[in-house]
Structures are given as structure tokens and as C-alpha cells.
PDB file of N, CA and C in Angstrom:
ATOM      1  N   MET A   1     -20.642 165.721 -49.297  1.00  0.00           N
ATOM      2  CA  MET A   1     -21.036 164.170 -49.908  1.00  0.00           C
ATOM      3  C   MET A   1     -21.870 163.503 -48.719  1.00  0.00           C
ATOM      4  N   CYS A   2     -22.083 162.269 -49.723  1.00  0.00           N
ATOM      5  CA  CYS A   2     -23.078 161.430 -48.844  1.00  0.00           C
ATOM      6  C   CYS A   2     -21.942 160.494 -48.137  1.00  0.00           C
ATOM      7  N   SER A   3     -22.189 160.053 -47.001  1.00  0.00           N
ATOM      8  CA  SER A   3     -21.587 159.082 -46.446  1.00  0.00           C
ATOM      9  C   SER A   3     -22.235 157.269 -46.737  1.00  0.00           C
ATOM     10  N   ALA A   4     -21.643 156.402 -46.658  1.00  0.00           N
ATOM     11  CA  ALA A   4     -21.967 155.265 -46.950  1.00  0.00           C
ATOM     12  C   ALA A   4     -23.146 154.436 -45.914  1.00  0.00           C
ATOM     13  N   ALA A   5     -23.108 155.425 -44.878  1.00  0.00           N
ATOM     14  CA  ALA A   5     -24.393 155.054 -43.908  1.00  0.00           C
ATOM     15  C   ALA A   5     -25.611 155.668 -44.455  1.00  0.00           C
ATOM     16  N   LYS A   6     -25.369 157.026 -44.835  1.00  0.00           N
ATOM     17  CA  LYS A   6     -26.547 157.888 -45.055  1.00  0.00           C
ATOM     18  C   LYS A   6     -27.020 157.091 -46.746  1.00  0.00           C
ATOM     19  N   LEU A   7     -26.369 156.700 -47.390  1.00  0.00           N
ATOM     20  CA  LEU A   7     -26.592 155.849 -48.604  1.00  0.00           C
ATOM     21  C   LEU A   7     -27.638 154.704 -48.394  1.00  0.00           C
ATOM     22  N   THR A   8     -26.889 153.731 -47.161  1.00  0.00           N
ATOM     23  CA  THR A   8     -28.072 152.916 -47.135  1.00  0.00           C
ATOM     24  C   THR A   8     -29.097 153.093 -46.408  1.00  0.00           C
ATOM     25  N   ILE A   9     -29.116 154.245 -45.671  1.00  0.00           N
ATOM     26  CA  ILE A   9     -30.215 154.801 -45.097  1.00  0.00           C
ATOM     27  C   ILE A   9     -31.587 155.065 -46.110  1.00  0.00           C
ATOM     28  N   CYS A  10     -31.189 155.773 -47.193  1.00  0.00           N
ATOM     29  CA  CYS A  10     -31.907 156.638 -48.374  1.00  0.00           C
ATOM     30  C   CYS A  10     -32.105 155.058 -49.086  1.00  0.00           C
ATOM     31  N   PHE A  11     -31.428 154.386 -49.605  1.00  0.00           N
ATOM     32  CA  PHE A  11     -31.769 153.149 -50.150  1.00  0.00           C
ATOM     33  C   PHE A  11     -32.818 152.188 -49.429  1.00  0.00           C
ATOM     34  N   GLY A  12     -32.573 152.316 -48.086  1.00  0.00           N
ATOM     35  CA  GLY A  12     -33.637 151.328 -47.358  1.00  0.00           C
ATOM     36  C   GLY A  12     -35.194 152.055 -47.372  1.00  0.00           C
ATOM     37  N   LEU A  13     -35.333 153.614 -47.467  1.00  0.00           N
ATOM     38  CA  LEU A  13     -36.023 154.304 -47.282  1.00  0.00           C
ATOM     39  C   LEU A  13     -36.629 153.842 -48.548  1.00  0.00           C
ATOM     40  N   LEU A  14     -35.770 153.979 -49.773  1.00  0.00           N
ATOM     41  CA  LEU A  14     -36.566 154.244 -51.182  1.00  0.00           C
ATOM     42  C   LEU A  14     -37.198 152.632 -51.164  1.00  0.00           C
ATOM     43  N   LEU A  15     -36.379 151.468 -50.941  1.00  0.00           N
ATOM     44  CA  LEU A  15     -37.114 149.975 -50.939  1.00  0.00           C
ATOM     45  C   LEU A  15     -38.478 149.753 -50.313  1.00  0.00           C
ATOM     46  N   ILE A  16     -38.355 150.465 -48.695  1.00  0.00           N
ATOM     47  CA  ILE A  16     -40.175 150.688 -48.286  1.00  0.00           C
ATOM     48  C   ILE A  16     -41.043 151.090 -49.047  1.00  0.00           C
ATOM     49  N   MET A  17     -40.688 152.391 -49.580  1.00  0.00           N
ATOM     50  CA  MET A  17     -41.512 153.372 -50.230  1.00  0.00           C
ATOM     51  C   MET A  17     -42.570 152.434 -51.323  1.00  0.00           C
ATOM     52  N   SER A  18     -41.298 151.831 -52.381  1.00  0.00           N
ATOM     53  CA  SER A  18     -41.949 151.159 -53.261  1.00  0.00           C
ATOM     54  C   SER A  18     -42.506 150.049 -52.897  1.00  0.00           C
ATOM     55  N   LYS A  19     -42.453 149.296 -52.057  1.00  0.00           N
ATOM     56  CA  LYS A  19     -43.328 147.916 -51.119  1.00  0.00           C
ATOM     57  C   LYS A  19     -44.530 148.616 -50.867  1.00  0.00           C
ATOM     58  N   VAL A  20     -44.565 149.892 -50.363  1.00  0.00           N
ATOM     59  CA  VAL A  20     -45.931 150.210 -49.621  1.00  0.00           C
ATOM     60  C   VAL A  20     -47.039 150.711 -50.685  1.00  0.00           C
ATOM     61  N   GLY A  21     -46.196 151.014 -51.943  1.00  0.00           N
ATOM     62  CA  GLY A  21     -47.036 151.763 -52.763  1.00  0.00           C
ATOM     63  C   GLY A  21     -47.680 150.342 -54.209  1.00  0.00           C
ATOM     64  N   SER A  22     -47.040 149.381 -53.718  1.00  0.00           N
ATOM     65  CA  SER A  22     -47.382 148.490 -54.667  1.00  0.00           C
ATOM     66  C   SER A  22     -48.147 147.258 -54.043  1.00  0.00           C
ATOM     67  N   VAL A  23     -48.860 147.458 -52.806  1.00  0.00           N
ATOM     68  CA  VAL A  23     -49.683 147.240 -52.011  1.00  0.00           C
ATOM     69  C   VAL A  23     -50.951 147.587 -51.430  1.00  0.00           C
ATOM     70  N   ALA A  24     -51.014 148.956 -51.437  1.00  0.00           N
ATOM     71  CA  ALA A  24     -51.978 149.910 -51.452  1.00  0.00           C
ATOM     72  C   ALA A  24     -53.366 149.658 -52.233  1.00  0.00           C
ATOM     73  N   ALA A  25     -53.153 149.545 -53.359  1.00  0.00           N
ATOM     74  CA  ALA A  25     -54.389 149.721 -53.882  1.00  0.00           C
ATOM     75  C   ALA A  25     -54.686 147.947 -54.905  1.00  0.00           C
ATOM     76  N   ARG A  26     -55.638 147.288 -54.215  1.00  0.00           N
ATOM     77  CA  ARG A  26     -55.749 145.730 -54.521  1.00  0.00           C
ATOM     78  C   ARG A  26     -57.350 146.070 -54.927  1.00  0.00           C
ATOM     79  N   PHE A  27     -57.777 146.331 -55.966  1.00  0.00           N
ATOM     80  CA  PHE A  27     -59.284 146.136 -56.385  1.00  0.00           C
ATOM     81  C   PHE A  27     -59.373 145.069 -56.895  1.00  0.00           C
ATOM     82  N   LYS A  28     -61.127 144.651 -56.740  1.00  0.00           N
ATOM     83  CA  LYS A  28     -61.399 143.394 -56.928  1.00  0.00           C
ATOM     84  C   LYS A  28     -62.822 143.632 -57.580  1.00  0.00           C
ATOM     85  N   SER A  29     -63.412 142.805 -58.355  1.00  0.00           N
ATOM     86  CA  SER A  29     -64.401 143.050 -59.433  1.00  0.00           C
ATOM     87  C   SER A  29     -65.169 141.438 -58.901  1.00  0.00           C
ATOM     88  N   ILE A  30     -66.717 141.650 -59.098  1.00  0.00           N
ATOM     89  CA  ILE A  30     -66.995 140.420 -58.843  1.00  0.00           C
ATOM     90  C   ILE A  30     -68.844 140.915 -59.325  1.00  0.00           C
ATOM     91  N   ASP A  31     -69.503 139.736 -60.104  1.00  0.00           N
ATOM     92  CA  ASP A  31     -70.683 139.560 -60.225  1.00  0.00           C
ATOM     93  C   ASP A  31     -71.599 138.633 -59.265  1.00  0.00           C
ATOM     94  N   TYR A  32     -72.787 139.420 -59.367  1.00  0.00           N
ATOM     95  CA  TYR A  32     -73.901 138.817 -58.492  1.00  0.00           C
ATOM     96  C   TYR A  32     -74.926 138.446 -59.210  1.00  0.00           C
ATOM     97  N   GLU A  33     -75.952 137.385 -58.548  1.00  0.00           N
ATOM     98  CA  GLU A  33     -77.449 137.220 -58.436  1.00  0.00           C
ATOM     99  C   GLU A  33     -77.803 136.715 -57.483  1.00  0.00           C
ATOM    100  N   ILE A  34     -78.750 137.476 -57.072  1.00  0.00           N
ATOM    101  CA  ILE A  34     -79.235 137.533 -55.991  1.00  0.00           C
ATOM    102  C   ILE A  34     -81.142 137.007 -56.091  1.00  0.00           C
ATOM    103  N   SER A  35     -81.624 135.713 -55.519  1.00  0.00           N
ATOM    104  CA  SER A  35     -82.890 135.195 -55.716  1.00  0.00           C
ATOM    105  C   SER A  35     -83.179 135.528 -54.253  1.00  0.00           C
ATOM    106  N   GLY A  36     -84.896 135.645 -54.541  1.00  0.00           N
ATOM    107  CA  GLY A  36     -85.898 135.330 -53.248  1.00  0.00           C
ATOM    108  C   GLY A  36     -86.779 136.621 -53.515  1.00  0.00           C
ATOM    109  N   ARG A  37     -87.307 137.062 -52.676  1.00  0.00           N
ATOM    110  CA  ARG A  37     -88.259 138.244 -52.849  1.00  0.00           C
ATOM    111  C   ARG A  37     -87.414 139.325 -52.802  1.00  0.00           C
ATOM    112  N   VAL A  38     -87.011 139.765 -53.787  1.00  0.00           N
ATOM    113  CA  VAL A  38     -86.041 141.129 -54.349  1.00  0.00           C
ATOM    114  C   VAL A  38     -86.350 142.103 -55.302  1.00  0.00           C
ATOM    115  N   GLN A  39     -87.917 141.640 -56.102  1.00  0.00           N
ATOM    116  CA  GLN A  39     -88.305 142.806 -56.675  1.00  0.00           C
ATOM    117  C   GLN A  39     -89.392 143.424 -56.234  1.00  0.00           C
ATOM    118  N   GLY A  40     -89.389 144.615 -56.619  1.00  0.00           N
ATOM    119  CA  GLY A  40     -90.937 145.048 -55.783  1.00  0.00           C
ATOM    120  C   GLY A  40     -90.662 145.402 -54.550  1.00  0.00           C
ATOM    121  N   VAL A  41     -89.439 145.104 -54.102  1.00  0.00           N
ATOM    122  CA  VAL A  41     -88.893 145.738 -52.611  1.00  0.00           C
ATOM    123  C   VAL A  41     -87.766 146.536 -52.351  1.00  0.00           C
ATOM    124  N   CYS A  42     -87.978 147.308 -53.369  1.00  0.00           N
ATOM    125  CA  CYS A  42     -86.929 148.978 -53.378  1.00  0.00           C
ATOM    126  C   CYS A  42     -85.625 147.836 -53.246  1.00  0.00           C
ATOM    127  N   PHE A  43     -85.017 146.744 -53.682  1.00  0.00           N
ATOM    128  CA  PHE A  43     -83.990 145.913 -53.537  1.00  0.00           C
ATOM    129  C   PHE A  43     -82.915 146.718 -54.507  1.00  0.00           C
ATOM    130  N   ARG A  44     -82.895 147.147 -55.385  1.00  0.00           N
ATOM    131  CA  ARG A  44     -82.118 147.934 -56.364  1.00  0.00           C
ATOM    132  C   ARG A  44     -81.777 149.306 -55.665  1.00  0.00           C
ATOM    133  N   MET A  45     -83.127 149.951 -55.238  1.00  0.00           N
ATOM    134  CA  MET A  45     -82.644 151.346 -54.679  1.00  0.00           C
ATOM    135  C   MET A  45     -81.532 151.276 -53.478  1.00  0.00           C
ATOM    136  N   TYR A  46     -82.292 150.001 -52.545  1.00  0.00           N
ATOM    137  CA  TYR A  46     -81.299 149.814 -51.461  1.00  0.00           C
ATOM    138  C   TYR A  46     -79.846 149.837 -51.556  1.00  0.00           C
ATOM    139  N   THR A  47     -79.587 148.557 -52.837  1.00  0.00           N
ATOM    140  CA  THR A  47     -78.385 148.330 -53.339  1.00  0.00           C
ATOM    141  C   THR A  47     -77.382 149.444 -53.630  1.00  0.00           C
ATOM    142  N   GLU A  48     -78.200 150.473 -54.368  1.00  0.00           N
ATOM    143  CA  GLU A  48     -77.625 151.531 -54.676  1.00  0.00           C
ATOM    144  C   GLU A  48     -76.845 152.303 -53.860  1.00  0.00           C
ATOM    145  N   ASP A  49     -77.792 152.582 -52.811  1.00  0.00           N
ATOM    146  CA  ASP A  49     -77.291 153.572 -51.788  1.00  0.00           C
ATOM    147  C   ASP A  49     -76.377 152.498 -50.710  1.00  0.00           C
ATOM    148  N   GLN A  50     -76.490 151.414 -50.579  1.00  0.00           N
ATOM    149  CA  GLN A  50     -75.505 150.760 -49.672  1.00  0.00           C
ATOM    150  C   GLN A  50     -74.139 151.014 -50.829  1.00  0.00           C
ATOM    151  N   ALA A  51     -73.977 150.665 -51.544  1.00  0.00           N
ATOM    152  CA  ALA A  51     -72.602 150.848 -52.683  1.00  0.00           C
ATOM    153  C   ALA A  51     -72.132 152.153 -52.443  1.00  0.00           C
ATOM    154  N   ARG A  52     -73.020 153.158 -52.809  1.00  0.00           N
ATOM    155  CA  ARG A  52     -72.379 154.599 -52.384  1.00  0.00           C
ATOM    156  C   ARG A  52     -71.838 154.814 -51.133  1.00  0.00           C
ATOM    157  N   LYS A  53     -72.762 154.303 -50.072  1.00  0.00           N
ATOM    158  CA  LYS A  53     -72.071 154.584 -48.924  1.00  0.00           C
ATOM    159  C   LYS A  53     -70.708 153.845 -48.641  1.00  0.00           C
ATOM    160  N   LEU A  54     -70.620 152.503 -49.009  1.00  0.00           N
ATOM    161  CA  LEU A  54     -69.542 151.742 -48.563  1.00  0.00           C
ATOM    162  C   LEU A  54     -68.213 152.587 -50.010  1.00  0.00           C
ATOM    163  N   GLY A  55     -68.599 152.851 -51.135  1.00  0.00           N
ATOM    164  CA  GLY A  55     -67.582 153.657 -51.953  1.00  0.00           C
ATOM    165  C   GLY A  55     -67.154 153.015 -53.098  1.00  0.00           C
ATOM    166  N   VAL A  56     -68.034 151.807 -53.153  1.00  0.00           N
ATOM    167  CA  VAL A  56     -67.808 150.947 -54.279  1.00  0.00           C
ATOM    168  C   VAL A  56     -68.735 151.059 -55.838  1.00  0.00           C
ATOM    169  N   VAL A  57     -68.304 150.907 -56.557  1.00  0.00           N
ATOM    170  CA  VAL A  57     -68.730 150.968 -57.976  1.00  0.00           C
ATOM    171  C   VAL A  57     -69.544 150.002 -58.675  1.00  0.00           C
ATOM    172  N   GLY A  58     -70.258 150.232 -59.790  1.00  0.00           N
ATOM    173  CA  GLY A  58     -71.006 149.151 -60.418  1.00  0.00           C
ATOM    174  C   GLY A  58     -72.225 149.719 -60.930  1.00  0.00           C
ATOM    175  N   TRP A  59     -73.491 148.225 -61.033  1.00  0.00           N
ATOM    176  CA  TRP A  59     -74.626 148.430 -61.417  1.00  0.00           C
ATOM    177  C   TRP A  59     -75.550 147.083 -60.896  1.00  0.00           C
ATOM    178  N   VAL A  60     -76.696 147.588 -60.855  1.00  0.00           N
ATOM    179  CA  VAL A  60     -77.614 146.364 -60.304  1.00  0.00           C
ATOM    180  C   VAL A  60     -78.983 146.837 -61.143  1.00  0.00           C
ATOM    181  N   ARG A  61     -79.560 145.353 -61.563  1.00  0.00           N
ATOM    182  CA  ARG A  61     -80.808 145.665 -62.400  1.00  0.00           C
ATOM    183  C   ARG A  61     -81.463 144.340 -62.162  1.00  0.00           C
ATOM    184  N   ASN A  62     -83.127 144.414 -62.300  1.00  0.00           N
ATOM    185  CA  ASN A  62     -83.591 143.188 -62.504  1.00  0.00           C
ATOM    186  C   ASN A  62     -83.770 142.200 -63.328  1.00  0.00           C
ATOM    187  N   THR A  63     -83.737 140.974 -63.462  1.00  0.00           N
ATOM    188  CA  THR A  63     -84.170 140.064 -64.268  1.00  0.00           C
ATOM    189  C   THR A  63     -85.249 139.763 -65.001  1.00  0.00           C
ATOM    190  N   ARG A  64     -85.621 139.198 -65.808  1.00  0.00           N
ATOM    191  CA  ARG A  64     -86.925 138.329 -66.425  1.00  0.00           C
ATOM    192  C   ARG A  64     -87.001 137.202 -65.301  1.00  0.00           C
ATOM    193  N   ARG A  65     -85.548 136.642 -64.650  1.00  0.00           N
ATOM    194  CA  ARG A  65     -85.926 135.516 -64.103  1.00  0.00           C
ATOM    195  C   ARG A  65     -86.765 135.817 -62.496  1.00  0.00           C
ATOM    196  N   GLY A  66     -87.016 137.007 -62.259  1.00  0.00           N
ATOM    197  CA  GLY A  66     -87.761 137.576 -60.885  1.00  0.00           C
ATOM    198  C   GLY A  66     -86.404 137.637 -59.794  1.00  0.00           C
ATOM    199  N   THR A  67     -85.010 137.894 -60.571  1.00  0.00           N
ATOM    200  CA  THR A  67     -83.838 137.908 -59.823  1.00  0.00           C
ATOM    201  C   THR A  67     -82.972 139.448 -59.841  1.00  0.00           C
ATOM    202  N   VAL A  68     -82.391 139.601 -58.885  1.00  0.00           N
ATOM    203  CA  VAL A  68     -81.391 140.824 -59.050  1.00  0.00           C
ATOM    204  C   VAL A  68     -79.779 140.541 -59.501  1.00  0.00           C
ATOM    205  N   GLU A  69     -79.280 141.045 -60.479  1.00  0.00           N
ATOM    206  CA  GLU A  69     -77.913 140.755 -60.818  1.00  0.00           C
ATOM    207  C   GLU A  69     -77.128 142.163 -60.989  1.00  0.00           C
ATOM    208  N   GLY A  70     -76.040 141.912 -61.039  1.00  0.00           N
ATOM    209  CA  GLY A  70     -75.098 143.172 -60.875  1.00  0.00           C
ATOM    210  C   GLY A  70     -73.823 142.981 -61.020  1.00  0.00           C
ATOM    211  N   GLN A  71     -72.830 143.859 -60.726  1.00  0.00           N
ATOM    212  CA  GLN A  71     -71.699 143.653 -60.709  1.00  0.00           C
ATOM    213  C   GLN A  71     -71.110 144.988 -59.635  1.00  0.00           C
ATOM    214  N   VAL A  72     -69.682 144.534 -58.867  1.00  0.00           N
ATOM    215  CA  VAL A  72     -69.440 145.495 -57.706  1.00  0.00           C
ATOM    216  C   VAL A  72     -67.894 145.498 -58.021  1.00  0.00           C
ATOM    217  N   GLN A  73     -67.014 146.462 -58.076  1.00  0.00           N
ATOM    218  CA  GLN A  73     -65.942 146.451 -58.460  1.00  0.00           C
ATOM    219  C   GLN A  73     -65.357 147.757 -56.982  1.00  0.00           C
ATOM    220  N   GLY A  74     -64.482 147.578 -56.482  1.00  0.00           N
ATOM    221  CA  GLY A  74     -63.618 148.756 -55.628  1.00  0.00           C
ATOM    222  C   GLY A  74     -62.544 147.859 -54.995  1.00  0.00           C
ATOM    223  N   LYS A  75     -62.170 148.676 -53.925  1.00  0.00           N
ATOM    224  CA  LYS A  75     -61.196 148.077 -53.017  1.00  0.00           C
ATOM    225  C   LYS A  75     -61.307 146.609 -52.171  1.00  0.00           C
ATOM    226  N   GLU A  76     -60.573 146.146 -52.339  1.00  0.00           N
ATOM    227  CA  GLU A  76     -61.043 144.154 -51.762  1.00  0.00           C
ATOM    228  C   GLU A  76     -61.940 144.276 -50.725  1.00  0.00           C
ATOM    229  N   GLU A  77     -61.484 144.927 -49.499  1.00  0.00           N
ATOM    230  CA  GLU A  77     -62.416 144.849 -48.236  1.00  0.00           C
ATOM    231  C   GLU A  77     -63.384 145.529 -48.817  1.00  0.00           C
ATOM    232  N   LEU A  78     -63.649 146.097 -49.585  1.00  0.00           N
ATOM    233  CA  LEU A  78     -65.074 147.251 -49.669  1.00  0.00           C
ATOM    234  C   LEU A  78     -65.935 146.218 -50.543  1.00  0.00           C
ATOM    235  N   VAL A  79     -65.766 145.778 -51.580  1.00  0.00           N
ATOM    236  CA  VAL A  79     -66.213 145.055 -52.213  1.00  0.00           C
ATOM    237  C   VAL A  79     -66.863 143.612 -51.470  1.00  0.00           C
ATOM    238  N   ASN A  80     -66.007 142.851 -50.173  1.00  0.00           N
ATOM    239  CA  ASN A  80     -66.435 141.887 -49.601  1.00  0.00           C
ATOM    240  C   ASN A  80     -67.541 141.986 -48.432  1.00  0.00           C
ATOM    241  N   SER A  81     -67.569 143.668 -48.186  1.00  0.00           N
ATOM    242  CA  SER A  81     -68.240 144.095 -47.136  1.00  0.00           C
ATOM    243  C   SER A  81     -70.375 144.294 -48.177  1.00  0.00           C
ATOM    244  N   MET A  82     -69.472 144.307 -49.416  1.00  0.00           N
ATOM    245  CA  MET A  82     -70.881 144.797 -50.431  1.00  0.00           C
ATOM    246  C   MET A  82     -71.736 143.250 -50.532  1.00  0.00           C
ATOM    247  N   LYS A  83     -70.625 142.309 -50.845  1.00  0.00           N
ATOM    248  CA  LYS A  83     -70.879 141.019 -50.829  1.00  0.00           C
ATOM    249  C   LYS A  83     -71.588 140.569 -49.752  1.00  0.00           C
ATOM    250  N   ASN A  84     -71.382 140.656 -48.466  1.00  0.00           N
ATOM    251  CA  ASN A  84     -71.997 140.500 -47.484  1.00  0.00           C
ATOM    252  C   ASN A  84     -73.321 140.949 -46.994  1.00  0.00           C
ATOM    253  N   TRP A  85     -73.597 142.357 -47.248  1.00  0.00           N
ATOM    254  CA  TRP A  85     -74.859 143.000 -47.675  1.00  0.00           C
ATOM    255  C   TRP A  85     -75.313 142.220 -48.355  1.00  0.00           C
ATOM    256  N   LEU A  86     -75.071 142.042 -49.828  1.00  0.00           N
ATOM    257  CA  LEU A  86     -76.053 141.440 -50.474  1.00  0.00           C
ATOM    258  C   LEU A  86     -76.513 139.937 -50.184  1.00  0.00           C
ATOM    259  N   SER A  87     -75.809 139.393 -49.540  1.00  0.00           N
ATOM    260  CA  SER A  87     -75.812 138.152 -49.239  1.00  0.00           C
ATOM    261  C   SER A  87     -76.809 138.076 -47.885  1.00  0.00           C
ATOM    262  N   LYS A  88     -76.543 138.727 -47.130  1.00  0.00           N
ATOM    263  CA  LYS A  88     -77.696 138.508 -45.946  1.00  0.00           C
ATOM    264  C   LYS A  88     -78.269 140.013 -45.370  1.00  0.00           C
ATOM    265  N   VAL A  89     -78.416 141.127 -46.018  1.00  0.00           N
ATOM    266  CA  VAL A  89     -78.829 142.445 -45.754  1.00  0.00           C
ATOM    267  C   VAL A  89     -80.233 142.377 -46.682  1.00  0.00           C
ATOM    268  N   GLY A  90     -79.763 143.019 -47.682  1.00  0.00           N
ATOM    269  CA  GLY A  90     -80.708 143.973 -48.763  1.00  0.00           C
ATOM    270  C   GLY A  90     -82.061 145.027 -47.878  1.00  0.00           C
ATOM    271  N   SER A  91     -82.871 144.974 -48.856  1.00  0.00           N
ATOM    272  CA  SER A  91     -83.433 146.131 -48.489  1.00  0.00           C
ATOM    273  C   SER A  91     -84.371 145.429 -47.213  1.00  0.00           C
ATOM    274  N   PRO A  92     -85.245 146.413 -46.627  1.00  0.00           N
ATOM    275  CA  PRO A  92     -85.756 145.933 -45.348  1.00  0.00           C
ATOM    276  C   PRO A  92     -87.027 144.937 -45.811  1.00  0.00           C
ATOM    277  N   SER A  93     -87.811 145.159 -46.614  1.00  0.00           N
ATOM    278  CA  SER A  93     -88.683 144.130 -46.877  1.00  0.00           C
ATOM    279  C   SER A  93     -88.383 143.030 -47.949  1.00  0.00           C
ATOM    280  N   SER A  94     -86.978 142.870 -48.125  1.00  0.00           N
ATOM    281  CA  SER A  94     -86.625 141.505 -49.049  1.00  0.00           C
ATOM    282  C   SER A  94     -86.458 140.126 -48.263  1.00  0.00           C
ATOM    283  N   ARG A  95     -86.076 139.386 -48.876  1.00  0.00           N
ATOM    284  CA  ARG A  95     -86.110 138.034 -48.400  1.00  0.00           C
ATOM    285  C   ARG A  95     -85.084 137.494 -49.280  1.00  0.00           C
ATOM    286  N   ILE A  96     -83.747 137.202 -48.938  1.00  0.00           N
ATOM    287  CA  ILE A  96     -82.778 136.862 -49.846  1.00  0.00           C
ATOM    288  C   ILE A  96     -82.739 134.984 -49.728  1.00  0.00           C
ATOM    289  N   ASP A  97     -82.735 134.689 -50.705  1.00  0.00           N
ATOM    290  CA  ASP A  97     -82.874 132.779 -50.814  1.00  0.00           C
ATOM    291  C   ASP A  97     -81.435 132.271 -51.001  1.00  0.00           C
ATOM    292  N   ARG A  98     -80.939 132.879 -52.039  1.00  0.00           N
ATOM    293  CA  ARG A  98     -79.598 132.381 -52.534  1.00  0.00           C
ATOM    294  C   ARG A  98     -78.714 133.894 -53.073  1.00  0.00           C
ATOM    295  N   ALA A  99     -77.707 133.725 -52.802  1.00  0.00           N
ATOM    296  CA  ALA A  99     -76.672 134.691 -53.672  1.00  0.00           C
ATOM    297  C   ALA A  99     -75.673 134.305 -54.253  1.00  0.00           C
ATOM    298  N   HIS A 100     -75.743 134.291 -55.589  1.00  0.00           N
ATOM    299  CA  HIS A 100     -74.606 133.830 -56.456  1.00  0.00           C
ATOM    300  C   HIS A 100     -73.696 134.773 -56.797  1.00  0.00           C
ATOM    301  N   PHE A 101     -72.620 134.458 -56.627  1.00  0.00           N
ATOM    302  CA  PHE A 101     -71.347 135.195 -56.998  1.00  0.00           C
ATOM    303  C   PHE A 101     -70.241 134.689 -57.710  1.00  0.00           C
ATOM    304  N   SER A 102     -70.014 135.353 -59.316  1.00  0.00           N
ATOM    305  CA  SER A 102     -69.344 134.538 -59.995  1.00  0.00           C
ATOM    306  C   SER A 102     -68.109 135.569 -60.588  1.00  0.00           C
ATOM    307  N   ASN A 103     -67.403 135.434 -61.448  1.00  0.00           N
ATOM    308  CA  ASN A 103     -66.338 136.185 -62.029  1.00  0.00           C
ATOM    309  C   ASN A 103     -65.552 137.105 -61.204  1.00  0.00           C
ATOM    310  N   GLU A 104     -65.256 136.358 -59.959  1.00  0.00           N
ATOM    311  CA  GLU A 104     -64.537 137.314 -58.712  1.00  0.00           C
ATOM    312  C   GLU A 104     -63.203 136.689 -59.229  1.00  0.00           C
ATOM    313  N   LYS A 105     -62.401 138.404 -59.571  1.00  0.00           N
ATOM    314  CA  LYS A 105     -60.922 138.457 -60.066  1.00  0.00           C
ATOM    315  C   LYS A 105     -60.656 140.151 -59.392  1.00  0.00           C
ATOM    316  N   GLU A 106     -59.247 140.304 -59.115  1.00  0.00           N
ATOM    317  CA  GLU A 106     -58.615 141.147 -59.009  1.00  0.00           C
ATOM    318  C   GLU A 106     -58.284 142.037 -60.550  1.00  0.00           C
ATOM    319  N   ILE A 107     -58.265 143.241 -60.123  1.00  0.00           N
ATOM    320  CA  ILE A 107     -58.217 143.928 -61.469  1.00  0.00           C
ATOM    321  C   ILE A 107     -57.537 145.400 -60.901  1.00  0.00           C
ATOM    322  N   SER A 108     -56.645 145.830 -62.046  1.00  0.00           N
ATOM    323  CA  SER A 108     -55.641 147.031 -61.550  1.00  0.00           C
ATOM    324  C   SER A 108     -56.760 148.351 -61.210  1.00  0.00           C
ATOM    325  N   LYS A 109     -57.871 148.714 -62.067  1.00  0.00           N
ATOM    326  CA  LYS A 109     -58.179 149.574 -61.872  1.00  0.00           C
ATOM    327  C   LYS A 109     -59.713 149.414 -62.201  1.00  0.00           C
ATOM    328  N   VAL A 110     -60.615 150.468 -61.115  1.00  0.00           N
ATOM    329  CA  VAL A 110     -62.168 150.050 -61.687  1.00  0.00           C
ATOM    330  C   VAL A 110     -62.607 150.413 -63.010  1.00  0.00           C
ATOM    331  N   GLU A 111     -63.622 150.081 -63.252  1.00  0.00           N
ATOM    332  CA  GLU A 111     -64.135 150.499 -64.749  1.00  0.00           C
ATOM    333  C   GLU A 111     -65.426 151.105 -64.967  1.00  0.00           C
ATOM    334  N   PHE A 112     -65.878 151.531 -63.561  1.00  0.00           N
ATOM    335  CA  PHE A 112     -67.042 152.209 -63.513  1.00  0.00           C
ATOM    336  C   PHE A 112     -66.789 153.524 -62.809  1.00  0.00           C
ATOM    337  N   SER A 113     -67.355 154.582 -62.838  1.00  0.00           N
ATOM    338  CA  SER A 113     -67.017 156.184 -62.097  1.00  0.00           C
ATOM    339  C   SER A 113     -68.128 156.417 -60.991  1.00  0.00           C
ATOM    340  N   ASN A 114     -69.285 155.149 -60.735  1.00  0.00           N
ATOM    341  CA  ASN A 114     -70.180 155.395 -59.743  1.00  0.00           C
ATOM    342  C   ASN A 114     -71.218 153.648 -60.068  1.00  0.00           C
ATOM    343  N   PHE A 115     -72.114 153.699 -59.189  1.00  0.00           N
ATOM    344  CA  PHE A 115     -72.982 152.942 -58.744  1.00  0.00           C
ATOM    345  C   PHE A 115     -74.191 153.132 -59.459  1.00  0.00           C
ATOM    346  N   THR A 116     -74.875 152.489 -60.481  1.00  0.00           N
ATOM    347  CA  THR A 116     -76.326 152.802 -61.001  1.00  0.00           C
ATOM    348  C   THR A 116     -77.311 151.816 -61.263  1.00  0.00           C
ATOM    349  N   THR A 117     -78.218 152.060 -61.236  1.00  0.00           N
ATOM    350  CA  THR A 117     -79.536 150.846 -61.621  1.00  0.00           C
ATOM    351  C   THR A 117     -79.684 150.988 -63.094  1.00  0.00           C
ATOM    352  N   ARG A 118     -79.511 150.023 -63.394  1.00  0.00           N
ATOM    353  CA  ARG A 118     -79.895 149.499 -65.131  1.00  0.00           C
ATOM    354  C   ARG A 118     -81.230 148.933 -65.365  1.00  0.00           C
ATOM    355  N   TYR A 119     -81.858 149.333 -66.410  1.00  0.00           N
ATOM    356  CA  TYR A 119     -83.068 149.272 -66.879  1.00  0.00           C
ATOM    357  C   TYR A 119     -83.020 148.256 -68.045  1.00  0.00           C
TER     358      TYR A 119
END
């Protein structure tokens, strides 16, 4: 039979485990549009490569306005890393004049299986 002390320890462990599980996976989704010299400089290819390195999912494409737009989803800290890369790094020959991020939200699961270039 279990003593009161053992039951208290078991209950405490269950409580800790339930809190760890609820904090573990926080996903984020964000839309972006990047302006500057971002078309004709392999920006989409480098974006796709960086997203795969980080382990985020989503898509990227050129627009008729001469910008690059897309969506990134994944663990919050990884999406934030991608956001930083999109606004400050880009492809080696690119020039980023403006990075606009919108529809930033927490999601329960990612909607894509990988990161792709759309045409």
C-alpha cells in the first residue's frame, strides 16, 4: 500500500509533468514582405535554404511589385531567428530596404510540411 508521503510525491510529479507538457511546444506563424534589391539575386533560394537549416516551414515567392513575400511557421524562437535573417541578412547580393511582418500569431500546430518556393 502507498503511504500518504508517497501519494504526495506521486501527485507532485504528475503536476510537474503536466506543466512541462503544456509549455513545451509553442508555435508561431508570421507573414512577411521584403522590399529592396530582392529579385534576381537568389533571395528565394537562400530564404528556402535558411528556413530548412532552422527547421521552419512555409513558403516564399516573388511579387509583381518587385518584393518577396511569404509565410513562416514553427517554434517561436526559430521563427524569430528567421524573421531576423529576413530583415538583416538575405542573400549575399541582396539589399534589404524594408522588412514588413504581419499576421503574427501563436498557432497550435504548423500548417505546412516543409518550406517551398511558390511561383
